[in-house]
Amino acid sequence: MLASIPIPLTAPSIRNEIGDLVLKANTLRDEAWQKEPEAIRQIESLASVKV
């Protein structure tokens, strides 16, 4: 039933733009994931400093 619903396709330029944004989002997500442990270490280090 769902297979019988027509889905319009956008222009190739728009599909490419969407694809580029998805790839950029994946790259940025990976970069954030890699930087997170160091950020946590830095915050924990600052929190453990006694004034």
PDB file of N, CA and C in Angstrom:
ATOM      1  N   MET A   1       0.817  -1.186   0.000  1.00  0.00           N
ATOM      2  CA  MET A   1       0.000   0.000   0.000  1.00  0.00           C
ATOM      3  C   MET A   1       0.871   1.265   0.000  1.00  0.00           C
ATOM      4  N   LEU A   2       1.849   1.313   0.888  1.00  0.00           N
ATOM      5  CA  LEU A   2       2.732   2.479   0.942  1.00  0.00           C
ATOM      6  C   LEU A   2       3.534   2.602  -0.355  1.00  0.00           C
ATOM      7  N   ALA A   3       3.870   1.486  -0.953  1.00  0.00           N
ATOM      8  CA  ALA A   3       4.659   1.507  -2.192  1.00  0.00           C
ATOM      9  C   ALA A   3       3.898   2.138  -3.346  1.00  0.00           C
ATOM     10  N   SER A   4       2.602   2.247  -3.235  1.00  0.00           N
ATOM     11  CA  SER A   4       1.825   2.812  -4.334  1.00  0.00           C
ATOM     12  C   SER A   4       1.711   4.335  -4.262  1.00  0.00           C
ATOM     13  N   ILE A   5       2.257   4.952  -3.212  1.00  0.00           N
ATOM     14  CA  ILE A   5       2.188   6.410  -3.064  1.00  0.00           C
ATOM     15  C   ILE A   5       3.329   7.036  -3.864  1.00  0.00           C
ATOM     16  N   PRO A   6       3.017   7.879  -4.831  1.00  0.00           N
ATOM     17  CA  PRO A   6       4.098   8.510  -5.612  1.00  0.00           C
ATOM     18  C   PRO A   6       4.854   9.543  -4.772  1.00  0.00           C
ATOM     19  N   ILE A   7       6.156   9.535  -4.905  1.00  0.00           N
ATOM     20  CA  ILE A   7       7.010  10.483  -4.184  1.00  0.00           C
ATOM     21  C   ILE A   7       7.742  11.328  -5.225  1.00  0.00           C
ATOM     22  N   PRO A   8       7.502  12.619  -5.243  1.00  0.00           N
ATOM     23  CA  PRO A   8       8.171  13.468  -6.234  1.00  0.00           C
ATOM     24  C   PRO A   8       9.655  13.619  -5.913  1.00  0.00           C
ATOM     25  N   LEU A   9      10.462  13.687  -6.952  1.00  0.00           N
ATOM     26  CA  LEU A   9      11.896  13.894  -6.785  1.00  0.00           C
ATOM     27  C   LEU A   9      12.220  15.360  -7.035  1.00  0.00           C
ATOM     28  N   THR A  10      13.142  15.872  -6.244  1.00  0.00           N
ATOM     29  CA  THR A  10      13.586  17.246  -6.448  1.00  0.00           C
ATOM     30  C   THR A  10      14.634  17.268  -7.556  1.00  0.00           C
ATOM     31  N   ALA A  11      15.005  18.448  -7.956  1.00  0.00           N
ATOM     32  CA  ALA A  11      16.042  18.610  -8.973  1.00  0.00           C
ATOM     33  C   ALA A  11      17.357  18.029  -8.462  1.00  0.00           C
ATOM     34  N   PRO A  12      18.186  17.501  -9.354  1.00  0.00           N
ATOM     35  CA  PRO A  12      19.476  16.931  -8.931  1.00  0.00           C
ATOM     36  C   PRO A  12      20.324  17.907  -8.121  1.00  0.00           C
ATOM     37  N   SER A  13      20.275  19.189  -8.448  1.00  0.00           N
ATOM     38  CA  SER A  13      21.091  20.158  -7.703  1.00  0.00           C
ATOM     39  C   SER A  13      20.641  20.235  -6.250  1.00  0.00           C
ATOM     40  N   ILE A  14      19.345  20.147  -6.014  1.00  0.00           N
ATOM     41  CA  ILE A  14      18.832  20.192  -4.644  1.00  0.00           C
ATOM     42  C   ILE A  14      19.188  18.903  -3.909  1.00  0.00           C
ATOM     43  N   ARG A  15      19.078  17.766  -4.599  1.00  0.00           N
ATOM     44  CA  ARG A  15      19.464  16.486  -3.972  1.00  0.00           C
ATOM     45  C   ARG A  15      20.939  16.497  -3.609  1.00  0.00           C
ATOM     46  N   ASN A  16      21.764  17.065  -4.495  1.00  0.00           N
ATOM     47  CA  ASN A  16      23.207  17.140  -4.202  1.00  0.00           C
ATOM     48  C   ASN A  16      23.476  18.043  -3.003  1.00  0.00           C
ATOM     49  N   GLU A  17      22.757  19.147  -2.936  1.00  0.00           N
ATOM     50  CA  GLU A  17      22.940  20.066  -1.810  1.00  0.00           C
ATOM     51  C   GLU A  17      22.563  19.380  -0.499  1.00  0.00           C
ATOM     52  N   ILE A  18      21.460  18.660  -0.511  1.00  0.00           N
ATOM     53  CA  ILE A  18      21.030  17.926   0.687  1.00  0.00           C
ATOM     54  C   ILE A  18      22.076  16.880   1.058  1.00  0.00           C
ATOM     55  N   GLY A  19      22.566  16.155   0.062  1.00  0.00           N
ATOM     56  CA  GLY A  19      23.597  15.147   0.316  1.00  0.00           C
ATOM     57  C   GLY A  19      24.856  15.761   0.897  1.00  0.00           C
ATOM     58  N   ASP A  20      25.261  16.914   0.365  1.00  0.00           N
ATOM     59  CA  ASP A  20      26.446  17.600   0.894  1.00  0.00           C
ATOM     60  C   ASP A  20      26.243  18.015   2.347  1.00  0.00           C
ATOM     61  N   LEU A  21      25.041  18.493   2.664  1.00  0.00           N
ATOM     62  CA  LEU A  21      24.760  18.893   4.043  1.00  0.00           C
ATOM     63  C   LEU A  21      24.770  17.685   4.987  1.00  0.00           C
ATOM     64  N   VAL A  22      24.272  16.568   4.520  1.00  0.00           N
ATOM     65  CA  VAL A  22      24.288  15.348   5.332  1.00  0.00           C
ATOM     66  C   VAL A  22      25.726  14.908   5.597  1.00  0.00           C
ATOM     67  N   LEU A  23      26.556  14.931   4.562  1.00  0.00           N
ATOM     68  CA  LEU A  23      27.955  14.553   4.744  1.00  0.00           C
ATOM     69  C   LEU A  23      28.683  15.500   5.694  1.00  0.00           C
ATOM     70  N   LYS A  24      28.403  16.801   5.567  1.00  0.00           N
ATOM     71  CA  LYS A  24      29.025  17.783   6.461  1.00  0.00           C
ATOM     72  C   LYS A  24      28.576  17.546   7.901  1.00  0.00           C
ATOM     73  N   ALA A  25      27.291  17.260   8.087  1.00  0.00           N
ATOM     74  CA  ALA A  25      26.773  16.990   9.430  1.00  0.00           C
ATOM     75  C   ALA A  25      27.456  15.766  10.031  1.00  0.00           C
ATOM     76  N   ASN A  26      27.648  14.731   9.226  1.00  0.00           N
ATOM     77  CA  ASN A  26      28.326  13.531   9.725  1.00  0.00           C
ATOM     78  C   ASN A  26      29.767  13.834  10.118  1.00  0.00           C
ATOM     79  N   THR A  27      30.447  14.635   9.320  1.00  0.00           N
ATOM     80  CA  THR A  27      31.829  15.007   9.615  1.00  0.00           C
ATOM     81  C   THR A  27      31.903  15.802  10.919  1.00  0.00           C
ATOM     82  N   LEU A  28      31.010  16.774  11.071  1.00  0.00           N
ATOM     83  CA  LEU A  28      31.014  17.594  12.282  1.00  0.00           C
ATOM     84  C   LEU A  28      30.632  16.775  13.519  1.00  0.00           C
ATOM     85  N   ARG A  29      29.694  15.831  13.351  1.00  0.00           N
ATOM     86  CA  ARG A  29      29.298  14.963  14.462  1.00  0.00           C
ATOM     87  C   ARG A  29      30.478  14.107  14.905  1.00  0.00           C
ATOM     88  N   ASP A  30      31.233  13.576  13.942  1.00  0.00           N
ATOM     89  CA  ASP A  30      32.402  12.769  14.255  1.00  0.00           C
ATOM     90  C   ASP A  30      33.468  13.609  14.957  1.00  0.00           C
ATOM     91  N   GLU A  31      33.671  14.828  14.467  1.00  0.00           N
ATOM     92  CA  GLU A  31      34.653  15.721  15.090  1.00  0.00           C
ATOM     93  C   GLU A  31      34.258  16.033  16.533  1.00  0.00           C
ATOM     94  N   ALA A  32      32.998  16.305  16.752  1.00  0.00           N
ATOM     95  CA  ALA A  32      32.520  16.593  18.109  1.00  0.00           C
ATOM     96  C   ALA A  32      32.714  15.374  19.003  1.00  0.00           C
ATOM     97  N   TRP A  33      32.418  14.198  18.470  1.00  0.00           N
ATOM     98  CA  TRP A  33      32.564  12.962  19.245  1.00  0.00           C
ATOM     99  C   TRP A  33      34.023  12.753  19.648  1.00  0.00           C
ATOM    100  N   GLN A  34      34.951  13.077  18.752  1.00  0.00           N
ATOM    101  CA  GLN A  34      36.372  12.909  19.047  1.00  0.00           C
ATOM    102  C   GLN A  34      36.866  13.939  20.064  1.00  0.00           C
ATOM    103  N   LYS A  35      36.307  15.140  20.050  1.00  0.00           N
ATOM    104  CA  LYS A  35      36.766  16.199  20.949  1.00  0.00           C
ATOM    105  C   LYS A  35      36.116  16.130  22.333  1.00  0.00           C
ATOM    106  N   GLU A  36      35.003  15.449  22.440  1.00  0.00           N
ATOM    107  CA  GLU A  36      34.262  15.421  23.702  1.00  0.00           C
ATOM    108  C   GLU A  36      35.079  14.919  24.891  1.00  0.00           C
ATOM    109  N   PRO A  37      35.819  13.810  24.785  1.00  0.00           N
ATOM    110  CA  PRO A  37      36.573  13.332  25.957  1.00  0.00           C
ATOM    111  C   PRO A  37      37.570  14.364  26.485  1.00  0.00           C
ATOM    112  N   GLU A  38      38.247  15.070  25.590  1.00  0.00           N
ATOM    113  CA  GLU A  38      39.212  16.091  26.031  1.00  0.00           C
ATOM    114  C   GLU A  38      38.498  17.245  26.711  1.00  0.00           C
ATOM    115  N   ALA A  39      37.370  17.647  26.184  1.00  0.00           N
ATOM    116  CA  ALA A  39      36.600  18.725  26.807  1.00  0.00           C
ATOM    117  C   ALA A  39      36.155  18.317  28.202  1.00  0.00           C
ATOM    118  N   ILE A  40      35.725  17.088  28.354  1.00  0.00           N
ATOM    119  CA  ILE A  40      35.300  16.595  29.677  1.00  0.00           C
ATOM    120  C   ILE A  40      36.487  16.595  30.632  1.00  0.00           C
ATOM    121  N   ARG A  41      37.639  16.129  30.162  1.00  0.00           N
ATOM    122  CA  ARG A  41      38.846  16.124  31.015  1.00  0.00           C
ATOM    123  C   ARG A  41      39.198  17.545  31.468  1.00  0.00           C
ATOM    124  N   GLN A  42      39.114  18.505  30.539  1.00  0.00           N
ATOM    125  CA  GLN A  42      39.456  19.879  30.893  1.00  0.00           C
ATOM    126  C   GLN A  42      38.491  20.435  31.928  1.00  0.00           C
ATOM    127  N   ILE A  43      37.219  20.198  31.763  1.00  0.00           N
ATOM    128  CA  ILE A  43      36.229  20.693  32.713  1.00  0.00           C
ATOM    129  C   ILE A  43      36.417  20.024  34.077  1.00  0.00           C
ATOM    130  N   GLU A  44      36.659  18.715  34.073  1.00  0.00           N
ATOM    131  CA  GLU A  44      36.882  18.029  35.339  1.00  0.00           C
ATOM    132  C   GLU A  44      38.136  18.542  36.028  1.00  0.00           C
ATOM    133  N   SER A  45      39.163  18.846  35.233  1.00  0.00           N
ATOM    134  CA  SER A  45      40.394  19.387  35.791  1.00  0.00           C
ATOM    135  C   SER A  45      40.150  20.744  36.427  1.00  0.00           C
ATOM    136  N   LEU A  46      39.399  21.594  35.768  1.00  0.00           N
ATOM    137  CA  LEU A  46      39.082  22.915  36.321  1.00  0.00           C
ATOM    138  C   LEU A  46      38.201  22.795  37.567  1.00  0.00           C
ATOM    139  N   ALA A  47      37.304  21.848  37.570  1.00  0.00           N
ATOM    140  CA  ALA A  47      36.403  21.680  38.703  1.00  0.00           C
ATOM    141  C   ALA A  47      37.142  21.149  39.926  1.00  0.00           C
ATOM    142  N   SER A  48      38.250  20.457  39.709  1.00  0.00           N
ATOM    143  CA  SER A  48      38.971  19.884  40.845  1.00  0.00           C
ATOM    144  C   SER A  48      39.988  20.858  41.444  1.00  0.00           C
ATOM    145  N   VAL A  49      40.211  21.985  40.789  1.00  0.00           N
ATOM    146  CA  VAL A  49      41.138  22.998  41.310  1.00  0.00           C
ATOM    147  C   VAL A  49      40.502  23.668  42.519  1.00  0.00           C
ATOM    148  N   LYS A  50      41.253  23.681  43.636  1.00  0.00           N
ATOM    149  CA  LYS A  50      40.732  24.305  44.845  1.00  0.00           C
ATOM    150  C   LYS A  50      41.158  25.766  44.893  1.00  0.00           C
ATOM    151  N   VAL A  51      40.231  26.611  45.246  1.00  0.00           N
ATOM    152  CA  VAL A  51      40.485  28.041  45.276  1.00  0.00           C
ATOM    153  C   VAL A  51      41.066  28.445  46.604  1.00  0.00           C
TER     154      VAL A  51
END
